[in-house]
Amino acid sequence: MGEGDTSKFQSYEVRMAAAGTPDERPAGRLRELARVGLEHARAFWEKQPLLTIAVVFFLVGVIAAGGVVFLAMVGALDNEELWDTEEERIRGIEIASQILNALFTIAAVYNHPTRCCWTYKLCAEPKFLTKGRFYPLTTGEISWILLNMHFNCFFQYGMAWTMWHYGPEDRPLWAFFFLVSSFAGGAAAGCLEGMYRNRHAKGNEMRLSLSREDSSASWESLGSAASMQGLTSLSSPGAKDAAILPVTINKATAAMV
């Protein structure tokens, strides 16, 4: 290894960047996703700081209340040392459940008008959404996404009604259906949008690759045609003198120097 060769001591990312090759390892993809997420979060903060603060408080509340509900579901809160009486345990879990339900209901009420506007625009002017928020998705793909978004909101309203209408002792088991359906609708909408966008991205990459191959083939055929044209022109009368003339001029210029 030469004195100036430091490639052995360079990191994998530096060598991949120098070679112009993206890092395809799982850790590299996660770092790229984290970087893009932080950039989007910073742009969102600069554009709407108050809404960003509200989203942070929303996430903190969901994590805290959801953690209490999850621990109650797995039986981690059944320890008698944590509660003086059984009524206190039920009351504490019910408070956490109501907070979680209120947060998700607020999110549904906040997002549903926008989703209704998207649905109206999709029916009245389909190209408006395909060129805006949901670009480059098709109208059929947008329809499936919006359908699951509406399911997410409507089932959350049903969950809120069961939480507020029934107490913790007499709440029916079918209320769990609203909870699962609401989460399933939101998750399906996000997964479908990600899947559709990934499919369009792969299609664009394939079309770009094919266009590059066609361009290379066109340049090769053009070069071959130019070469054949050159050979044909040299075989024509007077072309030999025209081909020798630049060489003679170069030699004369070199002799003068």
Protein backbone atom coordinates (compact mmCIF):
# COMPACT_ATOMS: atom_id res chain seq x y z
CA MET A 1 0.00 0.00 0.00
CA GLY A 2 1.38 3.39 -0.98
CA GLU A 3 2.00 6.26 1.39
CA GLY A 4 -1.01 8.20 0.14
CA ASP A 5 -3.38 5.22 0.01
CA THR A 6 -5.79 5.59 2.92
CA SER A 7 -8.69 3.54 1.52
CA LYS A 8 -8.01 0.81 4.08
CA PHE A 9 -8.80 3.20 6.92
CA GLN A 10 -11.90 4.74 5.33
CA SER A 11 -15.31 3.73 6.55
CA TYR A 12 -17.66 1.64 4.48
CA GLU A 13 -19.98 4.60 3.86
CA VAL A 14 -17.10 6.80 2.63
CA ARG A 15 -15.92 4.15 0.18
CA MET A 16 -19.48 3.55 -1.06
CA ALA A 17 -20.04 7.30 -1.51
CA ALA A 18 -16.72 7.67 -3.36
CA ALA A 19 -17.71 4.81 -5.67
CA GLY A 20 -21.10 6.41 -6.29
CA THR A 21 -22.96 3.36 -4.97
CA PRO A 22 -25.80 3.71 -2.41
CA ASP A 23 -25.48 1.86 0.89
CA GLU A 24 -27.88 -1.09 0.57
CA ARG A 25 -27.27 -2.55 4.03
CA PRO A 26 -30.21 -2.47 6.48
CA ALA A 27 -28.34 -0.10 8.80
CA GLY A 28 -27.60 2.22 5.89
CA ARG A 29 -31.23 2.26 4.78
CA LEU A 30 -32.35 2.98 8.34
CA ARG A 31 -29.90 5.88 8.58
CA GLU A 32 -31.21 7.26 5.31
CA LEU A 33 -34.82 6.97 6.51
CA ALA A 34 -33.89 8.69 9.77
CA ARG A 35 -32.16 11.50 7.90
CA VAL A 36 -35.14 12.04 5.60
CA GLY A 37 -37.53 11.91 8.57
CA LEU A 38 -35.54 14.54 10.46
CA GLU A 39 -35.48 16.78 7.40
CA HIS A 40 -39.26 16.51 7.04
CA ALA A 41 -39.74 17.17 10.76
CA ARG A 42 -37.55 20.29 10.60
CA ALA A 43 -39.42 21.56 7.53
CA PHE A 44 -42.74 20.89 9.27
CA TRP A 45 -41.55 22.74 12.39
CA GLU A 46 -40.44 25.76 10.36
CA LYS A 47 -43.76 25.84 8.48
CA GLN A 48 -46.21 25.12 11.33
CA PRO A 49 -44.55 25.35 14.78
CA LEU A 50 -47.81 25.36 16.79
CA LEU A 51 -49.12 22.26 15.03
CA THR A 52 -45.77 20.57 15.61
CA ILE A 53 -46.04 21.23 19.36
CA ALA A 54 -49.59 19.83 19.33
CA VAL A 55 -48.39 16.70 17.54
CA VAL A 56 -45.61 16.22 20.09
CA PHE A 57 -48.07 16.48 23.00
CA PHE A 58 -50.40 14.10 21.16
CA LEU A 59 -47.64 11.51 20.76
CA VAL A 60 -46.55 11.85 24.39
CA GLY A 61 -50.14 11.33 25.56
CA VAL A 62 -50.64 8.32 23.29
CA ILE A 63 -47.41 6.71 24.48
CA ALA A 64 -48.16 7.32 28.17
CA ALA A 65 -51.83 6.29 28.14
CA GLY A 66 -51.21 3.49 25.68
CA GLY A 67 -48.43 2.15 27.88
CA VAL A 68 -50.75 1.97 30.87
CA VAL A 69 -53.43 0.19 28.83
CA PHE A 70 -50.90 -2.25 27.38
CA LEU A 71 -49.48 -3.09 30.81
CA ALA A 72 -53.02 -3.67 32.04
CA MET A 73 -53.75 -5.99 29.12
CA VAL A 74 -50.69 -8.16 29.79
CA GLY A 75 -51.43 -8.27 33.54
CA ALA A 76 -48.45 -6.19 34.66
CA LEU A 77 -50.74 -3.89 36.71
CA ASP A 78 -52.43 -6.66 38.65
CA ASN A 79 -49.92 -6.34 41.49
CA GLU A 80 -51.74 -5.57 44.72
CA GLU A 81 -48.90 -3.31 45.88
CA LEU A 82 -49.69 -0.79 43.12
CA TRP A 83 -53.32 -0.29 44.14
CA ASP A 84 -55.05 -0.07 47.49
CA THR A 85 -58.30 -1.53 46.20
CA GLU A 86 -59.63 -3.18 43.05
CA GLU A 87 -61.79 -0.14 42.37
CA GLU A 88 -58.69 2.07 42.17
CA ARG A 89 -57.08 -0.28 39.65
CA ILE A 90 -60.18 -0.25 37.46
CA ARG A 91 -60.46 3.54 37.76
CA GLY A 92 -56.82 4.08 36.81
CA ILE A 93 -57.05 1.83 33.75
CA GLU A 94 -60.33 3.48 32.73
CA ILE A 95 -58.80 6.96 32.96
CA ALA A 96 -55.89 5.91 30.74
CA SER A 97 -58.30 4.29 28.26
CA GLN A 98 -60.50 7.39 28.13
CA ILE A 99 -57.46 9.63 27.53
CA LEU A 100 -56.31 7.37 24.70
CA ASN A 101 -59.79 7.31 23.21
CA ALA A 102 -60.12 11.10 23.43
CA LEU A 103 -56.77 11.65 21.68
CA PHE A 104 -57.67 9.36 18.79
CA THR A 105 -61.14 10.92 18.53
CA ILE A 106 -59.63 14.41 18.36
CA ALA A 107 -57.28 13.21 15.61
CA ALA A 108 -60.22 11.73 13.67
CA VAL A 109 -62.32 14.90 14.00
CA TYR A 110 -59.33 17.02 12.94
CA ASN A 111 -58.41 14.90 9.88
CA HIS A 112 -61.85 13.86 8.66
CA PRO A 113 -62.88 17.20 7.03
CA THR A 114 -59.69 17.17 4.96
CA ARG A 115 -60.34 13.58 3.92
CA CYS A 116 -63.90 14.50 2.94
CA CYS A 117 -62.55 17.35 0.81
CA TRP A 118 -60.13 14.94 -0.89
CA THR A 119 -63.01 12.58 -1.61
CA TYR A 120 -65.10 15.39 -3.11
CA LYS A 121 -62.19 16.56 -5.28
CA LEU A 122 -61.53 12.98 -6.37
CA CYS A 123 -65.13 12.71 -7.60
CA ALA A 124 -65.36 16.21 -9.09
CA GLU A 125 -61.83 16.68 -10.46
CA PRO A 126 -59.73 13.49 -10.26
CA LYS A 127 -56.62 15.06 -11.81
CA PHE A 128 -56.40 17.58 -8.95
CA LEU A 129 -55.29 14.92 -6.45
CA THR A 130 -53.12 12.95 -8.89
CA LYS A 131 -51.04 16.10 -9.42
CA GLY A 132 -51.04 17.25 -5.80
CA ARG A 133 -51.04 15.44 -2.43
CA PHE A 134 -51.15 11.92 -3.86
CA TYR A 135 -48.85 12.37 -6.86
CA PRO A 136 -47.98 10.09 -8.73
CA LEU A 137 -50.80 7.72 -7.67
CA THR A 138 -53.74 6.89 -9.90
CA THR A 139 -57.38 7.65 -9.10
CA GLY A 140 -58.09 3.98 -8.32
CA GLU A 141 -55.21 3.80 -5.84
CA ILE A 142 -56.28 7.06 -4.21
CA SER A 143 -59.83 5.70 -3.88
CA TRP A 144 -58.65 2.68 -1.87
CA ILE A 145 -56.51 4.88 0.38
CA LEU A 146 -59.35 7.32 1.08
CA LEU A 147 -61.77 4.47 1.72
CA ASN A 148 -59.55 3.11 4.49
CA MET A 149 -59.05 6.63 5.87
CA HIS A 150 -62.82 7.01 6.20
CA PHE A 151 -63.06 3.60 7.85
CA ASN A 152 -60.46 4.78 10.36
CA CYS A 153 -62.54 7.84 11.29
CA PHE A 154 -65.99 6.24 11.35
CA PHE A 155 -64.93 3.26 13.44
CA GLN A 156 -63.18 5.63 15.85
CA TYR A 157 -66.47 7.48 16.29
CA GLY A 158 -68.12 4.17 17.15
CA MET A 159 -65.36 3.41 19.62
CA ALA A 160 -65.81 6.80 21.26
CA TRP A 161 -69.55 6.20 21.62
CA THR A 162 -69.04 2.84 23.33
CA MET A 163 -66.40 4.32 25.64
CA TRP A 164 -68.65 7.20 26.70
CA HIS A 165 -71.97 5.32 26.77
CA TYR A 166 -70.89 2.27 28.78
CA GLY A 167 -68.93 2.01 32.00
CA PRO A 168 -65.91 -0.24 32.51
CA GLU A 169 -68.04 -2.95 34.14
CA ASP A 170 -70.86 -3.16 31.56
CA ARG A 171 -68.96 -2.30 28.35
CA PRO A 172 -69.77 -5.03 25.76
CA LEU A 173 -67.12 -7.14 24.07
CA TRP A 174 -68.25 -6.06 20.60
CA ALA A 175 -66.81 -2.59 21.39
CA PHE A 176 -63.43 -4.20 20.72
CA PHE A 177 -64.53 -4.51 17.07
CA PHE A 178 -64.54 -0.71 16.69
CA LEU A 179 -61.04 -0.47 18.17
CA VAL A 180 -59.55 -3.11 15.88
CA SER A 181 -61.35 -1.79 12.78
CA SER A 182 -60.23 1.79 13.41
CA PHE A 183 -56.60 0.78 13.77
CA ALA A 184 -56.87 -1.53 10.78
CA GLY A 185 -58.27 1.26 8.59
CA GLY A 186 -55.49 3.68 9.48
CA ALA A 187 -52.78 1.05 9.08
CA ALA A 188 -54.20 -0.15 5.75
CA ALA A 189 -54.30 3.41 4.37
CA GLY A 190 -50.66 4.02 5.29
CA CYS A 191 -49.49 0.64 3.99
CA LEU A 192 -51.38 1.01 0.72
CA GLU A 193 -49.96 4.47 0.06
CA GLY A 194 -46.44 3.27 0.80
CA MET A 195 -46.88 0.20 -1.41
CA TYR A 196 -48.30 2.22 -4.29
CA ARG A 197 -45.56 4.84 -4.08
CA ASN A 198 -42.87 2.18 -3.96
CA ARG A 199 -44.36 0.50 -7.03
CA HIS A 200 -44.42 3.78 -8.95
CA ALA A 201 -40.83 4.51 -7.92
CA LYS A 202 -39.67 1.11 -9.19
CA GLY A 203 -41.57 1.68 -12.43
CA ASN A 204 -39.88 5.06 -12.89
CA GLU A 205 -36.46 3.49 -12.27
CA MET A 206 -37.19 0.77 -14.82
CA ARG A 207 -38.34 3.29 -17.41
CA LEU A 208 -35.26 5.43 -16.76
CA SER A 209 -33.00 2.41 -17.16
CA LEU A 210 -34.71 1.43 -20.42
CA SER A 211 -34.42 4.98 -21.73
CA ARG A 212 -30.71 5.00 -20.91
CA GLU A 213 -30.23 1.69 -22.71
CA ASP A 214 -32.13 3.01 -25.72
CA SER A 215 -30.03 6.17 -25.68
CA SER A 216 -26.79 4.15 -25.54
CA ALA A 217 -27.97 1.94 -28.39
CA SER A 218 -28.89 5.02 -30.41
CA TRP A 219 -25.45 6.55 -29.87
CA GLU A 220 -23.76 3.26 -30.82
CA SER A 221 -25.82 2.97 -34.01
CA LEU A 222 -25.10 6.62 -34.77
CA GLY A 223 -21.38 6.02 -34.28
CA SER A 224 -21.47 2.95 -36.50
CA ALA A 225 -23.31 4.88 -39.18
CA ALA A 226 -20.77 7.70 -38.93
CA SER A 227 -17.90 5.22 -39.27
CA MET A 228 -19.47 3.59 -42.30
CA GLN A 229 -20.09 7.02 -43.79
CA GLY A 230 -16.45 7.88 -43.21
CA LEU A 231 -15.20 4.73 -44.92
CA THR A 232 -17.57 5.31 -47.81
CA SER A 233 -16.40 8.90 -48.19
CA LEU A 234 -12.73 7.84 -48.17
CA SER A 235 -13.43 5.41 -50.97
CA SER A 236 -14.94 8.18 -53.10
CA PRO A 237 -12.82 10.16 -55.61
CA GLY A 238 -10.93 13.05 -54.02
CA ALA A 239 -11.62 11.90 -50.48
CA LYS A 240 -8.08 10.57 -50.09
CA ASP A 241 -6.57 14.01 -50.65
CA ALA A 242 -9.09 15.56 -48.23
CA ALA A 243 -8.11 13.03 -45.55
CA ILE A 244 -4.36 13.61 -46.04
CA LEU A 245 -4.65 17.41 -45.97
CA PRO A 246 -5.11 17.80 -42.14
CA VAL A 247 -2.11 15.52 -41.50
CA THR A 248 0.07 17.60 -43.82
CA ILE A 249 -1.00 20.82 -42.10
CA ASN A 250 -0.17 19.38 -38.66
CA LYS A 251 3.29 18.31 -39.79
CA ALA A 252 4.01 21.70 -41.26
CA THR A 253 2.90 23.44 -38.06
CA ALA A 254 5.15 21.19 -35.97
CA ALA A 255 8.13 21.91 -38.21
CA MET A 256 7.60 25.67 -37.85
CA VAL A 257 7.55 25.37 -34.05
